[in-house]
Amino acid sequence: MKIAICDDDSQELNRISSFIDTYKRIRNVPLIYSTFLSAAELVSKVSSEGYNILFLDILMPGINGMQAAHEIRSIDAEVKIVFLTTSPEFAVESYEVKAYDYILKPVSKDKLFSLLDAVFAEEQMLMEGLTIKTQSGIARILFSRLAFVEIMNKKLYFNMADNSVQEVTSSLAAFEEKLLARSEFVKVHRSYIVNLWQVSELRSNEIITNSGKTVPVSRLLYKSVREAYMKHLFLEKGVE
């Protein structure tokens, strides 16, 4: 994991760096980090470095943290942005740039450790998946990249987020238990299981995926699908 820390206060920068060094040693996890004293310097490195998480002070001279976050989002839509601030007043504005979290300064070791634990757990989940036997060989299907599964004419089709499709000769039942054990997957039709993270819109009789594909929703399952989708939306926005 690659981390960037940006704060114009060198003392706070050293404090956070020390905590991350301790975290790396105690948890024995692979991570590297870089430090920046200005937001402009950080923005110039984002596209080339591929950071997983940014710790970004909001109140800085020149380009402040919120302005930098807007620029960063135009470069990298996936990087986790964690704001560092002396006041929670920026919490609402942070949603505009899809901030992962914000931490009140001075940063405490416990809060930082808890946040890093959560990020590592999420990164691990992103690598979880299924191994399937296709006509051409063996394929690995990551749950995070699977949009929906469809059964048709005794063929099972794994439709991926990038619109690629993996075909296997199998039944939906063979994978149903493992998929539905995960909260992001829901059965929307007798022939379809959908990943809610890949849904852009739920209509009265169909789902539209992020990639623009249409999946039917059966009348009998619509109520439960809608409940699952609404719960997912609140989870996605950090509302409990």
Protein backbone atom coordinates (compact mmCIF):
# COMPACT_ATOMS: atom_id res chain seq x y z
CA MET A 1 0.00 0.00 0.00
CA LYS A 2 1.22 3.49 -0.88
CA ILE A 3 0.36 6.40 1.40
CA ALA A 4 0.88 10.14 1.01
CA ILE A 5 0.75 12.59 3.92
CA CYS A 6 0.35 16.29 3.20
CA ASP A 7 0.52 18.92 5.94
CA ASP A 8 2.25 22.30 6.05
CA ASP A 9 2.99 21.73 9.77
CA SER A 10 6.25 19.77 9.80
CA GLN A 11 5.70 18.78 13.43
CA GLU A 12 2.34 17.18 12.65
CA LEU A 13 3.84 15.58 9.54
CA ASN A 14 6.55 13.96 11.65
CA ARG A 15 3.99 12.88 14.23
CA ILE A 16 1.85 11.05 11.66
CA SER A 17 4.93 9.54 9.99
CA SER A 18 6.07 8.18 13.34
CA PHE A 19 2.67 6.60 13.96
CA ILE A 20 2.71 4.97 10.51
CA ASP A 21 6.21 3.60 11.13
CA THR A 22 4.92 2.08 14.39
CA TYR A 23 1.84 0.68 12.63
CA LYS A 24 3.98 -0.91 9.95
CA ARG A 25 6.21 -2.55 12.57
CA ILE A 26 3.42 -3.78 14.87
CA ARG A 27 1.05 -5.01 12.13
CA ASN A 28 3.90 -6.29 9.93
CA VAL A 29 2.19 -5.02 6.78
CA PRO A 30 3.69 -3.91 3.45
CA LEU A 31 3.35 -0.16 3.11
CA ILE A 32 5.41 2.80 2.02
CA TYR A 33 4.68 6.48 2.48
CA SER A 34 5.74 9.89 1.20
CA THR A 35 5.38 13.26 2.92
CA PHE A 36 4.53 16.64 1.41
CA LEU A 37 4.54 20.14 2.90
CA SER A 38 2.33 21.61 0.15
CA ALA A 39 -0.81 20.48 -1.62
CA ALA A 40 0.52 21.60 -4.99
CA GLU A 41 3.48 19.25 -4.64
CA LEU A 42 1.18 16.35 -3.76
CA VAL A 43 -1.16 17.01 -6.70
CA SER A 44 1.79 16.93 -9.09
CA LYS A 45 2.68 13.39 -7.91
CA VAL A 46 -0.74 11.73 -7.72
CA SER A 47 -1.00 10.54 -11.32
CA SER A 48 2.48 9.01 -11.43
CA GLU A 49 2.67 7.45 -7.95
CA GLY A 50 -0.64 5.58 -7.70
CA TYR A 51 -1.33 6.18 -4.01
CA ASN A 52 -3.93 4.08 -2.21
CA ILE A 53 -4.64 6.63 0.51
CA LEU A 54 -3.95 10.34 1.03
CA PHE A 55 -3.87 12.10 4.39
CA LEU A 56 -4.56 15.71 3.44
CA ASP A 57 -4.59 18.75 5.72
CA ILE A 58 -7.45 21.10 4.84
CA LEU A 59 -6.10 24.45 6.04
CA MET A 60 -2.89 25.13 4.15
CA PRO A 61 -1.50 28.24 2.42
CA GLY A 62 -1.74 28.46 -1.37
CA ILE A 63 -3.84 25.54 -2.59
CA ASN A 64 -5.78 24.31 0.44
CA GLY A 65 -6.66 20.69 1.03
CA MET A 66 -10.23 20.93 -0.28
CA GLN A 67 -9.10 22.57 -3.52
CA ALA A 68 -6.39 19.95 -3.90
CA ALA A 69 -8.93 17.18 -3.33
CA HIS A 70 -11.08 18.45 -6.21
CA GLU A 71 -8.03 18.41 -8.49
CA ILE A 72 -7.02 14.96 -7.28
CA ARG A 73 -10.50 13.59 -7.98
CA SER A 74 -10.19 14.68 -11.61
CA ILE A 75 -7.00 12.61 -11.79
CA ASP A 76 -7.82 9.62 -9.59
CA ALA A 77 -11.41 8.65 -8.79
CA GLU A 78 -10.44 5.69 -6.57
CA VAL A 79 -7.78 6.93 -4.13
CA LYS A 80 -9.00 7.20 -0.54
CA ILE A 81 -8.81 10.79 0.74
CA VAL A 82 -8.66 11.35 4.50
CA PHE A 83 -8.83 14.98 5.58
CA LEU A 84 -6.83 16.26 8.53
CA THR A 85 -8.56 19.18 10.24
CA THR A 86 -8.83 21.08 13.53
CA SER A 87 -12.62 21.38 13.12
CA PRO A 88 -15.41 19.04 12.01
CA GLU A 89 -17.09 21.89 10.07
CA PHE A 90 -15.68 20.56 6.78
CA ALA A 91 -17.28 17.13 7.15
CA VAL A 92 -20.25 17.94 4.88
CA GLU A 93 -18.07 19.56 2.20
CA SER A 94 -15.80 16.52 2.24
CA TYR A 95 -18.62 14.41 0.74
CA GLU A 96 -18.36 16.44 -2.48
CA VAL A 97 -14.99 14.87 -3.19
CA LYS A 98 -16.04 11.46 -1.84
CA ALA A 99 -13.69 11.66 1.11
CA TYR A 100 -13.09 8.35 2.86
CA ASP A 101 -12.92 9.94 6.31
CA TYR A 102 -11.60 12.90 8.24
CA ILE A 103 -9.46 12.99 11.38
CA LEU A 104 -9.36 15.80 13.93
CA LYS A 105 -5.90 17.16 14.69
CA PRO A 106 -3.74 16.48 16.53
CA VAL A 107 -4.01 12.99 15.07
CA SER A 108 -4.19 10.25 17.69
CA LYS A 109 -2.44 6.93 17.25
CA ASP A 110 -5.59 4.95 18.05
CA LYS A 111 -7.68 6.76 15.43
CA LEU A 112 -4.98 6.38 12.79
CA PHE A 113 -4.48 2.69 13.54
CA SER A 114 -8.23 2.04 13.41
CA LEU A 115 -8.51 3.78 10.05
CA LEU A 116 -5.54 1.92 8.55
CA ASP A 117 -6.94 -1.39 9.82
CA ALA A 118 -10.21 -0.63 8.00
CA VAL A 119 -8.41 0.26 4.77
CA PHE A 120 -6.30 -2.91 4.83
CA ALA A 121 -9.42 -4.99 5.48
CA GLU A 122 -11.17 -3.40 2.49
CA GLU A 123 -8.15 -3.91 0.25
CA GLN A 124 -8.10 -7.57 1.26
CA MET A 125 -11.80 -7.91 0.42
CA LEU A 126 -11.17 -6.45 -3.03
CA MET A 127 -8.84 -9.35 -3.76
CA GLU A 128 -11.38 -12.02 -2.74
CA GLY A 129 -13.13 -13.94 -5.47
CA LEU A 130 -13.95 -17.19 -7.22
CA THR A 131 -11.86 -19.55 -9.30
CA ILE A 132 -13.82 -20.92 -12.24
CA LYS A 133 -13.12 -23.38 -15.03
CA THR A 134 -13.86 -21.85 -18.43
CA GLN A 135 -13.69 -23.37 -21.91
CA SER A 136 -10.19 -21.98 -22.38
CA GLY A 137 -8.79 -22.72 -18.91
CA ILE A 138 -8.92 -21.42 -15.35
CA ALA A 139 -10.02 -17.86 -14.52
CA ARG A 140 -10.06 -15.81 -11.34
CA ILE A 141 -13.21 -13.73 -10.77
CA LEU A 142 -12.79 -10.91 -8.24
CA PHE A 143 -16.02 -10.18 -6.36
CA SER A 144 -15.30 -6.45 -6.57
CA ARG A 145 -15.17 -6.57 -10.40
CA LEU A 146 -18.14 -8.89 -10.92
CA ALA A 147 -21.23 -6.93 -12.06
CA PHE A 148 -23.76 -9.77 -12.33
CA VAL A 149 -24.15 -13.48 -13.00
CA GLU A 150 -26.65 -14.84 -15.53
CA ILE A 151 -27.79 -18.37 -16.26
CA MET A 152 -29.07 -19.14 -19.78
CA ASN A 153 -29.39 -22.44 -21.64
CA LYS A 154 -27.34 -24.32 -19.04
CA LYS A 155 -24.53 -21.81 -19.45
CA LEU A 156 -23.44 -19.47 -16.65
CA TYR A 157 -22.15 -16.05 -17.64
CA PHE A 158 -20.02 -13.94 -15.29
CA ASN A 159 -20.48 -10.36 -16.52
CA MET A 160 -17.59 -8.17 -15.35
CA ALA A 161 -17.45 -4.42 -14.63
CA ASP A 162 -15.36 -3.85 -17.77
CA ASN A 163 -18.06 -5.57 -19.90
CA SER A 164 -15.98 -8.71 -20.43
CA VAL A 165 -17.78 -12.04 -19.91
CA GLN A 166 -16.56 -15.38 -18.60
CA GLU A 167 -18.64 -18.39 -19.66
CA VAL A 168 -18.83 -21.72 -17.80
CA THR A 169 -20.98 -24.82 -18.09
CA SER A 170 -22.66 -24.88 -14.70
CA SER A 171 -25.80 -24.02 -12.76
CA LEU A 172 -26.51 -20.82 -10.88
CA ALA A 173 -27.09 -22.91 -7.77
CA ALA A 174 -23.45 -24.02 -7.83
CA PHE A 175 -22.32 -20.46 -7.01
CA GLU A 176 -25.43 -18.97 -5.44
CA GLU A 177 -24.66 -19.83 -1.80
CA LYS A 178 -21.16 -18.35 -1.92
CA LEU A 179 -22.28 -15.18 -3.68
CA LEU A 180 -25.33 -14.51 -1.53
CA ALA A 181 -23.28 -15.01 1.63
CA ARG A 182 -21.82 -11.61 0.79
CA SER A 183 -23.98 -8.54 1.52
CA GLU A 184 -23.22 -6.84 -1.81
CA PHE A 185 -24.82 -9.63 -3.87
CA VAL A 186 -28.57 -10.00 -4.25
CA LYS A 187 -30.76 -12.31 -6.34
CA VAL A 188 -32.97 -10.11 -8.51
CA HIS A 189 -34.46 -12.79 -10.77
CA ARG A 190 -34.42 -16.57 -10.90
CA SER A 191 -31.70 -16.27 -13.55
CA TYR A 192 -29.66 -13.34 -12.20
CA ILE A 193 -27.53 -12.36 -9.20
CA VAL A 194 -26.30 -8.76 -9.11
CA ASN A 195 -23.46 -6.96 -7.30
CA LEU A 196 -25.03 -3.84 -5.73
CA TRP A 197 -21.70 -2.00 -5.93
CA GLN A 198 -22.08 -2.20 -9.71
CA VAL A 199 -25.63 -0.81 -9.84
CA SER A 200 -26.26 2.73 -11.04
CA GLU A 201 -30.07 2.66 -11.01
CA LEU A 202 -32.93 0.48 -9.80
CA ARG A 203 -36.17 0.74 -11.81
CA SER A 204 -39.52 -0.93 -11.25
CA ASN A 205 -38.64 -3.95 -13.37
CA GLU A 206 -34.94 -3.70 -14.11
CA ILE A 207 -31.49 -2.71 -12.90
CA ILE A 208 -29.00 -0.59 -14.82
CA THR A 209 -25.36 -1.42 -14.12
CA ASN A 210 -22.52 1.08 -13.99
CA SER A 211 -21.41 -0.16 -17.41
CA GLY A 212 -24.88 0.46 -18.90
CA LYS A 213 -26.17 -3.11 -19.07
CA THR A 214 -29.78 -3.95 -18.18
CA VAL A 215 -30.73 -6.76 -15.79
CA PRO A 216 -34.40 -7.77 -15.24
CA VAL A 217 -35.90 -7.66 -11.75
CA SER A 218 -38.74 -10.08 -11.11
CA ARG A 219 -41.99 -8.73 -9.68
CA LEU A 220 -41.88 -11.20 -6.78
CA LEU A 221 -38.36 -10.19 -5.76
CA TYR A 222 -38.66 -6.43 -6.34
CA LYS A 223 -39.53 -5.52 -2.74
CA SER A 224 -36.57 -7.41 -1.24
CA VAL A 225 -34.26 -6.10 -3.98
CA ARG A 226 -35.36 -2.52 -3.28
CA GLU A 227 -34.79 -2.95 0.46
CA ALA A 228 -31.32 -4.37 -0.13
CA TYR A 229 -30.47 -1.57 -2.56
CA MET A 230 -31.66 1.19 -0.20
CA LYS A 231 -29.66 -0.33 2.63
CA HIS A 232 -26.64 -0.46 0.34
CA LEU A 233 -27.05 3.21 -0.64
CA PHE A 234 -27.01 4.29 3.00
CA LEU A 235 -23.95 2.11 3.59
CA GLU A 236 -22.20 3.64 0.57
CA LYS A 237 -22.85 7.16 1.88
CA GLY A 238 -21.63 6.27 5.35
CA VAL A 239 -25.07 6.56 6.98
CA GLU A 240 -26.04 4.10 9.69
